[in-house]
Protein backbone atom coordinates (compact mmCIF):
# COMPACT_ATOMS: atom_id res chain seq x y z
CA MET A 1 63.16 30.13 -227.91
CA PRO A 2 61.19 27.70 -225.57
CA ALA A 3 62.74 24.48 -224.88
CA HIS A 4 61.05 21.39 -226.26
CA THR A 5 61.16 18.04 -224.36
CA LEU A 6 61.42 14.90 -226.38
CA ARG A 7 58.99 12.23 -225.10
CA SER A 8 59.32 8.50 -225.87
CA PRO A 9 56.62 6.41 -227.21
CA LEU A 10 56.40 4.69 -224.07
CA HIS A 11 55.79 8.02 -222.11
CA LEU A 12 53.07 8.97 -224.55
CA ILE A 13 51.39 5.80 -224.24
CA GLY A 14 51.65 5.83 -220.46
CA LEU A 15 50.00 9.38 -220.36
CA ALA A 16 47.23 8.47 -222.63
CA GLY A 17 46.38 5.61 -220.38
CA LEU A 18 46.51 7.83 -217.25
CA CYS A 19 44.17 10.27 -218.96
CA LEU A 20 41.56 7.40 -219.80
CA ALA A 21 41.55 6.23 -216.33
CA LEU A 22 41.25 9.61 -214.61
CA GLY A 23 39.32 11.36 -217.24
CA CYS A 24 40.84 14.27 -219.07
CA SER A 25 39.46 17.71 -220.43
CA SER A 26 41.12 19.55 -223.21
CA SER A 27 41.40 23.20 -223.23
CA ARG A 28 43.64 25.05 -225.83
CA GLY A 29 45.60 21.58 -226.38
CA SER A 30 46.43 21.11 -222.75
CA VAL A 31 45.27 18.05 -220.73
CA THR A 32 44.28 18.18 -217.29
CA ALA A 33 43.74 15.50 -214.60
CA ASN A 34 41.46 16.03 -211.57
CA PRO A 35 42.61 14.02 -208.73
CA GLU A 36 40.63 13.41 -205.69
CA PRO A 37 41.45 15.76 -202.74
CA GLY A 38 44.49 14.65 -200.78
CA ALA A 39 45.54 11.88 -203.23
CA ALA A 40 49.30 11.78 -203.76
CA SER A 41 50.51 12.10 -207.49
CA ALA A 42 52.59 8.85 -208.56
CA PRO A 43 56.16 9.24 -209.73
CA PRO A 44 56.85 9.06 -213.38
CA ALA A 45 57.89 5.47 -214.39
CA VAL A 46 61.45 5.06 -215.68
CA ALA A 47 62.43 2.90 -218.39
CA PRO A 48 64.89 0.04 -217.55
CA ALA A 49 67.21 1.09 -220.36
CA ALA A 50 67.18 4.65 -218.95
CA THR A 51 68.12 3.46 -215.55
CA ALA A 52 70.76 1.13 -216.79
CA ARG A 53 72.38 3.99 -218.69
CA ALA A 54 72.54 6.16 -215.70
CA HIS A 55 74.14 3.44 -213.55
CA VAL A 56 76.69 2.85 -216.28
CA GLU A 57 77.59 6.37 -216.54
CA ALA A 58 78.07 6.51 -212.68
CA GLY A 59 80.15 3.29 -213.05
CA HIS A 60 82.42 4.90 -215.58
CA ASP A 61 82.84 7.92 -213.34
CA TYR A 62 83.84 5.89 -210.46
CA MET A 63 86.29 4.13 -212.60
CA ASN A 64 87.77 7.33 -213.79
CA ARG A 65 88.36 8.24 -210.07
CA GLY A 66 89.77 4.90 -209.17
CA LEU A 67 86.84 3.98 -207.06
CA TYR A 68 86.46 0.49 -208.21
CA ASP A 69 84.20 -1.10 -205.48
CA ASP A 70 81.69 1.71 -206.21
CA ALA A 71 82.09 1.47 -209.84
CA GLU A 72 81.34 -2.53 -209.63
CA ARG A 73 78.24 -1.90 -207.67
CA GLU A 74 76.89 0.58 -210.17
CA PHE A 75 77.53 -1.61 -212.97
CA ARG A 76 75.86 -4.53 -211.17
CA LEU A 77 72.70 -2.34 -210.66
CA ALA A 78 72.85 -1.51 -214.15
CA LEU A 79 72.62 -5.12 -215.07
CA GLU A 80 69.73 -5.81 -212.70
CA SER A 81 67.82 -3.08 -214.64
CA GLU A 82 69.08 -4.48 -218.07
CA PRO A 83 70.67 -7.88 -217.91
CA GLY A 84 72.23 -7.97 -221.41
CA ASN A 85 73.59 -4.37 -221.25
CA GLN A 86 77.04 -4.67 -222.95
CA SER A 87 78.29 -1.35 -221.74
CA ALA A 88 77.71 -2.58 -218.08
CA LEU A 89 79.21 -6.13 -218.75
CA ALA A 90 82.24 -4.34 -219.92
CA GLY A 91 82.47 -1.95 -217.13
CA LEU A 92 81.89 -4.63 -214.64
CA GLY A 93 84.66 -6.84 -216.06
CA ARG A 94 87.10 -3.85 -216.12
CA ALA A 95 86.21 -3.10 -212.48
CA GLU A 96 86.80 -6.88 -211.54
CA VAL A 97 90.22 -6.80 -213.14
CA LYS A 98 91.19 -3.75 -210.98
CA ARG A 99 90.00 -5.44 -207.94
CA GLY A 100 91.81 -8.57 -208.88
CA ALA A 101 88.64 -10.70 -209.28
CA TYR A 102 90.17 -12.01 -212.58
CA THR A 103 88.24 -15.23 -212.90
CA ASP A 104 84.76 -13.48 -212.79
CA ALA A 105 86.20 -10.64 -214.85
CA VAL A 106 86.88 -13.08 -217.73
CA THR A 107 83.38 -14.39 -217.69
CA HIS A 108 81.83 -10.88 -217.94
CA LEU A 109 84.42 -9.65 -220.62
CA GLU A 110 84.06 -12.54 -222.80
CA GLN A 111 80.35 -11.77 -222.88
CA ALA A 112 81.05 -8.05 -223.64
CA THR A 113 83.21 -8.80 -226.47
CA ARG A 114 80.42 -10.80 -228.36
CA THR A 115 79.47 -7.20 -229.73
CA THR A 116 81.67 -4.50 -231.29
CA THR A 117 80.30 -1.47 -229.05
CA GLN A 118 82.53 -2.35 -226.13
CA MET A 119 85.11 -4.39 -227.91
CA VAL A 120 88.33 -2.41 -227.62
CA SER A 121 88.40 -1.71 -223.93
CA ALA A 122 86.77 -5.12 -223.18
CA LEU A 123 89.43 -6.98 -225.18
CA ARG A 124 92.27 -4.91 -223.31
CA SER A 125 90.82 -5.76 -219.92
CA LEU A 126 90.37 -9.24 -220.99
CA GLY A 127 93.79 -9.70 -221.87
CA ASP A 128 94.87 -8.01 -218.52
CA ALA A 129 92.79 -10.62 -216.82
CA TYR A 130 94.21 -13.57 -218.69
CA VAL A 131 97.65 -12.40 -217.81
CA ALA A 132 96.83 -12.20 -214.24
CA LEU A 133 95.67 -15.88 -214.46
CA GLY A 134 98.79 -16.84 -216.22
CA GLN A 135 96.80 -17.70 -219.49
CA MET A 136 99.29 -15.94 -221.74
CA ASP A 137 98.09 -17.67 -225.04
CA LYS A 138 94.65 -16.31 -224.34
CA ALA A 139 96.09 -12.98 -223.37
CA ALA A 140 97.98 -12.53 -226.48
CA THR A 141 94.79 -13.53 -228.68
CA ALA A 142 92.76 -10.84 -226.75
CA TYR A 143 95.44 -8.32 -227.36
CA ARG A 144 95.95 -9.13 -230.95
CA GLU A 145 92.09 -8.53 -231.45
CA ALA A 146 92.31 -5.04 -229.74
CA VAL A 147 95.45 -3.93 -231.64
CA ALA A 148 93.59 -4.84 -234.79
CA LEU A 149 90.74 -2.49 -233.81
CA THR A 150 93.06 0.17 -232.54
CA PRO A 151 96.49 -0.05 -234.32
CA ASN A 152 97.76 3.11 -232.86
CA ASP A 153 97.25 2.33 -229.13
CA LEU A 154 100.68 1.97 -227.88
CA ASP A 155 99.72 0.59 -224.37
CA THR A 156 97.72 -2.13 -226.09
CA ARG A 157 100.79 -2.91 -228.55
CA LEU A 158 103.24 -3.12 -225.65
CA SER A 159 100.94 -5.44 -223.72
CA LEU A 160 100.64 -7.53 -226.88
CA ALA A 161 104.51 -7.60 -227.19
CA THR A 162 104.81 -8.70 -223.57
CA SER A 163 102.40 -11.54 -223.77
CA LEU A 164 104.04 -12.87 -227.11
CA THR A 165 107.39 -12.76 -225.30
CA GLU A 166 106.00 -14.96 -222.36
CA ILE A 167 104.82 -17.64 -224.77
CA GLY A 168 107.93 -17.76 -226.85
CA GLU A 169 106.75 -15.85 -230.02
CA TYR A 170 109.91 -13.61 -230.38
CA ASP A 171 109.63 -12.85 -233.84
CA GLU A 172 105.93 -11.53 -233.67
CA ALA A 173 106.91 -9.60 -230.57
CA ILE A 174 109.84 -8.14 -232.16
CA SER A 175 107.73 -7.01 -235.12
CA VAL A 176 105.07 -5.48 -232.91
CA CYS A 177 107.77 -3.50 -231.19
CA ASN A 178 109.36 -2.39 -234.43
CA SER A 179 106.14 -1.27 -236.04
CA SER A 180 105.55 0.67 -232.72
CA LEU A 181 108.89 2.67 -232.94
CA ARG A 182 107.17 5.19 -235.46
CA LEU A 183 104.27 5.73 -233.26
CA GLY A 184 106.47 6.77 -230.41
CA LYS A 185 108.64 9.18 -232.35
CA GLY A 186 109.38 12.20 -230.50
CA GLN A 187 108.30 10.82 -227.10
CA PRO A 188 111.33 9.68 -225.25
CA LYS A 189 109.59 7.99 -222.36
CA THR A 190 107.38 5.85 -224.92
CA LEU A 191 110.27 5.00 -227.01
CA ALA A 192 112.29 3.87 -223.91
CA ARG A 193 109.35 1.33 -223.09
CA ILE A 194 109.60 0.10 -226.71
CA TYR A 195 113.40 -0.52 -226.37
CA GLN A 196 112.83 -2.03 -223.04
CA ARG A 197 110.59 -4.53 -224.66
CA LEU A 198 113.07 -5.26 -227.38
CA GLY A 199 115.69 -5.66 -224.74
CA GLU A 200 113.60 -8.41 -222.84
CA VAL A 201 112.86 -10.17 -226.02
CA SER A 202 116.34 -10.38 -227.01
CA ALA A 203 117.50 -11.42 -223.69
CA ARG A 204 115.15 -14.34 -223.74
CA GLN A 205 116.34 -15.31 -227.07
CA GLY A 206 120.00 -15.40 -225.67
CA SER A 207 121.24 -12.41 -227.55
CA THR A 208 122.87 -10.71 -224.46
CA PRO A 209 124.84 -8.16 -226.28
CA GLU A 210 121.64 -7.17 -228.44
CA ALA A 211 119.65 -7.23 -225.21
CA MET A 212 122.11 -4.92 -223.36
CA SER A 213 122.23 -2.42 -226.27
CA PHE A 214 118.43 -2.11 -226.28
CA TYR A 215 118.25 -1.68 -222.56
CA TYR A 216 121.10 0.86 -222.61
CA HIS A 217 119.35 2.67 -225.12
CA ALA A 218 116.07 2.59 -223.14
CA ALA A 219 117.85 3.78 -219.95
CA GLU A 220 119.34 6.74 -221.92
CA LEU A 221 115.90 7.78 -222.75
CA ASN A 222 114.61 7.46 -219.45
CA SER A 223 117.05 7.34 -216.66
CA GLU A 224 114.56 7.50 -213.72
CA ASP A 225 112.39 4.52 -214.79
CA VAL A 226 113.11 1.67 -212.26
CA THR A 227 111.75 -1.08 -214.30
CA ILE A 228 114.19 -0.26 -217.02
CA ALA A 229 117.18 -0.60 -214.58
CA ARG A 230 115.69 -3.74 -213.13
CA GLY A 231 115.58 -5.00 -216.92
CA VAL A 232 119.33 -4.11 -217.47
CA ALA A 233 120.06 -6.12 -214.37
CA SER A 234 117.83 -9.04 -215.39
CA ALA A 235 119.53 -9.24 -218.69
CA ALA A 236 122.87 -8.91 -217.43
CA VAL A 237 122.29 -11.70 -214.92
CA ARG A 238 120.74 -13.78 -217.71
CA GLY A 239 124.00 -13.32 -219.61
CA GLY A 240 126.32 -13.88 -216.72
CA LEU A 241 127.63 -10.30 -216.82
CA TYR A 242 127.57 -10.07 -212.96
CA ALA A 243 129.60 -6.84 -212.81
CA GLU A 244 127.01 -4.88 -215.09
CA ALA A 245 124.28 -6.51 -213.28
CA ALA A 246 125.75 -5.16 -209.74
CA THR A 247 125.93 -1.62 -211.32
CA SER A 248 122.35 -1.72 -212.52
CA LEU A 249 120.87 -3.12 -209.30
CA ASN A 250 122.88 -0.33 -207.37
CA ARG A 251 120.95 2.11 -209.70
CA VAL A 252 117.83 0.45 -208.82
CA LEU A 253 118.19 0.79 -205.25
CA LEU A 254 119.22 4.37 -205.79
CA LEU A 255 115.72 4.93 -207.41
CA ALA A 256 113.84 2.58 -205.14
CA PRO A 257 115.74 2.24 -201.75
CA LEU A 258 113.24 -0.19 -200.38
CA ASP A 259 113.17 -2.70 -203.37
CA VAL A 260 113.96 -5.96 -201.18
CA ALA A 261 114.01 -8.01 -204.19
CA ALA A 262 116.74 -5.76 -205.91
CA LYS A 263 118.71 -6.23 -202.67
CA LYS A 264 118.40 -9.92 -202.49
CA GLN A 265 119.35 -9.91 -206.10
CA LEU A 266 122.32 -7.85 -205.47
CA ALA A 267 123.37 -10.08 -202.61
CA TRP A 268 123.34 -13.19 -204.98
CA VAL A 269 125.31 -11.21 -207.78
CA ASN A 270 127.91 -10.42 -205.31
CA PHE A 271 128.19 -14.01 -204.33
CA LYS A 272 128.72 -14.79 -207.84
CA LEU A 273 131.49 -12.22 -207.97
CA GLU A 274 133.15 -13.73 -204.90
CA ARG A 275 132.45 -10.41 -203.05
CA TYR A 276 131.41 -12.57 -200.01
CA PRO A 277 131.52 -9.81 -197.27
CA ASN A 278 129.38 -7.68 -199.57
CA ALA A 279 126.82 -10.53 -200.19
CA ILE A 280 126.56 -11.23 -196.50
CA HIS A 281 125.87 -7.59 -195.80
CA ASP A 282 123.19 -7.33 -198.45
CA TYR A 283 121.42 -10.47 -197.42
CA GLU A 284 121.62 -9.63 -193.78
CA ALA A 285 119.87 -6.23 -194.62
CA VAL A 286 116.82 -7.94 -195.48
CA GLY A 287 117.02 -10.82 -192.92
CA ASP A 288 113.25 -11.11 -192.34
CA SER A 289 112.56 -11.29 -196.06
CA LEU A 290 114.95 -14.17 -196.81
CA GLY A 291 113.59 -17.17 -198.71
CA THR A 292 115.33 -20.89 -198.45
CA ALA A 293 117.20 -20.33 -201.45
CA ASP A 294 118.46 -16.86 -200.02
CA ARG A 295 119.46 -18.48 -196.87
CA TYR A 296 121.47 -21.19 -198.65
CA TYR A 297 123.62 -18.72 -200.48
CA LEU A 298 124.11 -16.52 -197.40
CA ALA A 299 125.29 -19.69 -195.66
CA GLN A 300 127.65 -20.37 -198.57
CA ALA A 301 129.02 -16.81 -198.28
CA TYR A 302 129.58 -17.18 -194.58
CA ALA A 303 131.44 -20.55 -195.08
CA LYS A 304 133.43 -19.03 -197.98
CA SER A 305 134.41 -16.33 -195.31
CA ALA A 306 135.44 -18.92 -192.88
CA LYS A 307 132.70 -18.17 -190.48
CA VAL A 308 131.56 -21.70 -190.18
CA ASP A 309 129.32 -21.64 -187.06
CA ARG A 310 127.04 -19.11 -188.64
CA ALA A 311 127.13 -20.97 -191.85
CA VAL A 312 126.24 -24.21 -190.13
CA GLU A 313 123.48 -22.50 -188.37
CA LEU A 314 121.91 -21.25 -191.67
CA TYR A 315 122.46 -24.68 -193.34
CA ARG A 316 120.32 -26.15 -190.63
CA GLN A 317 117.48 -23.58 -191.19
CA VAL A 318 117.61 -24.51 -194.92
CA ALA A 319 117.23 -28.20 -194.16
CA ARG A 320 114.51 -27.63 -191.71
CA LEU A 321 112.55 -25.48 -193.99
CA ASP A 322 112.87 -27.56 -197.21
CA PRO A 323 114.35 -30.95 -196.53
CA GLN A 324 113.28 -32.56 -199.68
CA ASN A 325 114.96 -30.11 -202.06
CA TYR A 326 118.10 -29.33 -199.91
CA LYS A 327 119.22 -32.67 -198.63
CA GLY A 328 122.69 -31.52 -200.03
CA VAL A 329 123.18 -28.85 -197.37
CA TYR A 330 124.52 -31.56 -195.05
CA CYS A 331 127.38 -32.00 -197.55
CA ASN A 332 127.88 -28.51 -197.42
CA MET A 333 127.78 -28.45 -193.69
CA ALA A 334 130.39 -31.23 -193.55
CA TYR A 335 132.78 -29.52 -196.08
CA ALA A 336 132.41 -26.08 -194.00
CA TYR A 337 133.82 -27.83 -190.88
CA TYR A 338 136.34 -29.84 -193.22
CA GLU A 339 137.70 -26.47 -194.83
CA ALA A 340 137.92 -24.93 -191.57
CA ASN A 341 140.28 -27.88 -190.50
CA ARG A 342 137.60 -29.01 -188.04
CA TYR A 343 137.79 -32.62 -189.00
CA GLN A 344 135.99 -34.27 -186.33
CA ARG A 345 133.01 -31.81 -186.46
CA ALA A 346 133.15 -32.74 -190.32
CA ILE A 347 132.78 -36.28 -189.61
CA GLU A 348 129.83 -35.59 -187.11
CA ALA A 349 127.81 -33.65 -189.71
CA ALA A 350 128.45 -36.05 -192.38
CA ARG A 351 127.19 -38.88 -190.04
CA GLU A 352 124.16 -36.71 -189.36
CA GLY A 353 123.60 -36.08 -192.93
CA LEU A 354 123.47 -39.86 -193.83
CA ARG A 355 120.76 -40.38 -191.30
CA GLU A 356 118.57 -38.13 -193.50
CA ASP A 357 120.19 -39.27 -196.99
CA SER A 358 121.86 -42.52 -196.57
CA SER A 359 122.94 -42.78 -200.23
CA SER A 360 124.88 -39.55 -200.41
CA ALA A 361 128.44 -40.30 -201.71
CA CYS A 362 129.29 -36.55 -201.06
CA LEU A 363 128.69 -37.05 -197.35
CA ARG A 364 130.70 -40.37 -197.18
CA PHE A 365 133.66 -39.09 -199.28
CA CYS A 366 133.85 -35.95 -197.10
CA TRP A 367 133.69 -38.38 -193.94
CA ALA A 368 136.75 -40.40 -195.53
CA GLN A 369 138.83 -37.41 -196.17
CA ALA A 370 138.39 -36.22 -192.77
CA LEU A 371 139.56 -39.52 -191.24
CA ASP A 372 142.51 -39.24 -193.65
CA LYS A 373 143.36 -35.85 -192.12
CA LEU A 374 143.04 -37.26 -188.56
CA GLY A 375 145.46 -40.04 -189.48
CA LYS A 376 142.68 -42.77 -189.21
CA HIS A 377 143.71 -44.29 -192.60
CA ASP A 378 142.60 -47.86 -191.76
CA GLU A 379 139.02 -46.41 -191.06
CA ALA A 380 139.16 -44.26 -194.00
CA ILE A 381 139.71 -47.41 -196.43
CA PRO A 382 136.20 -48.87 -196.09
CA VAL A 383 134.52 -45.45 -196.18
CA PHE A 384 136.13 -44.68 -199.64
CA GLU A 385 135.16 -48.26 -200.94
CA THR A 386 131.46 -47.39 -200.35
CA VAL A 387 131.97 -44.19 -202.77
CA VAL A 388 133.56 -46.13 -205.59
CA ALA A 389 130.34 -47.21 -207.13
CA ASP A 390 129.06 -43.61 -207.53
CA PRO A 391 130.04 -42.32 -210.95
CA ALA A 392 130.55 -38.74 -209.71
CA TYR A 393 133.03 -39.92 -207.17
CA ALA A 394 134.52 -43.12 -208.61
CA GLU A 395 137.78 -41.84 -210.03
CA PRO A 396 138.90 -39.66 -206.85
CA ALA A 397 137.60 -42.51 -204.52
CA LYS A 398 139.97 -44.94 -206.42
CA ARG A 399 142.91 -42.81 -206.25
CA GLU A 400 142.31 -42.02 -202.63
CA LEU A 401 141.83 -45.90 -201.80
CA GLU A 402 145.21 -46.37 -203.39
CA ARG A 403 146.94 -43.75 -201.43
CA GLN A 404 145.38 -45.01 -198.15
CA ARG A 405 146.40 -48.56 -198.73
CA ARG A 406 149.99 -47.34 -199.69
CA ILE A 407 149.97 -45.50 -196.29
CA VAL A 408 148.64 -48.22 -194.24
CA ARG A 409 151.46 -50.64 -195.79
CA LEU A 410 153.99 -48.12 -195.14
CA LEU A 411 153.05 -47.69 -191.57
CA LYS A 412 152.95 -51.67 -191.01
CA THR A 413 156.26 -51.75 -192.31
CA LYS A 414 157.72 -49.07 -190.02
CA GLU A 415 155.99 -51.09 -187.30
CA ARG A 416 157.69 -54.22 -188.15
CA GLY A 417 160.97 -52.64 -188.57
CA ASN A 418 160.71 -51.28 -184.99
């Protein structure tokens, strides 16, 4: 059977016009044009809609192959041919989400969701863009609408549950997860993701035992998922279960040996467990990646390990990196020397700190205590007196003042007796 080509009305009108312009003869139903010798035939005109459709198809192909720059180019070409093409707008928005251009993506995806043809994929991508921009309320709204259109899409459901958790809508998040469990029946890895989300919600609610139960269930279903292992650790830390957190973080590092964040969190957990040598080892292993807080806890670990000079070196780094938020490190520095029985250095550190924070009662109290240890009780008295007005140090300062005065009186009595 011969193939028949379906001609569009625009094509037929164009062909008729061409015949009228050049002159046509009819023979057995055929139409023949007689161009002048040497004249080149003009290429057939392509309708803008057809051009846009071709670019959109190419764009989707590039998206499937992960070539997001090429996909964006094709979608933009489609919009040049047909500015209101909803498929092109949705595709462009999705490509921009993948490329991290979230603000532009929101603009295009919001336009694409005004009609139903591209609604689901556009809503999902719009939610992703809002998440990246930190607009979790809007993300939840977009995901809700996507779930309403495709209630069996587990990925969208879990994205909705995540956004709801972030905005504190815990009951709705739990409801979404529970209704998702039947959809994941017989799929261990899918069920693991759902239980992981339930664990996060419970942890945010402060229900640590319930959170750990959900997370452990998720880990049993998918023991190789590093995000689940991280979730167990985070829930344990949030609940103050540092031993369990250390076990989970070691599991994370077994699955992802180069995970710097996990190494730093393990170091902090070991610090909380008073495993100071372990904390020092873990922090020093990622020395180039340490933030200010990490350096502070590393300094604390060195101080607790009686390695005062290294502790003070780190305290100085912290004070230099963030002087506004870490004025208190001078007190840590002074007490590191004090605990190591290096009282004169403690006094020097206290004076140095007071030049930066003249109102610090902690530094003055340490200074006075160091003077007491050096037997300079007369000098300690006026320093203790400057601390009495501070509510945090009032009672111990009063007790120390009484003791210092008794000692001074006793010493003077002995001097007179001699």
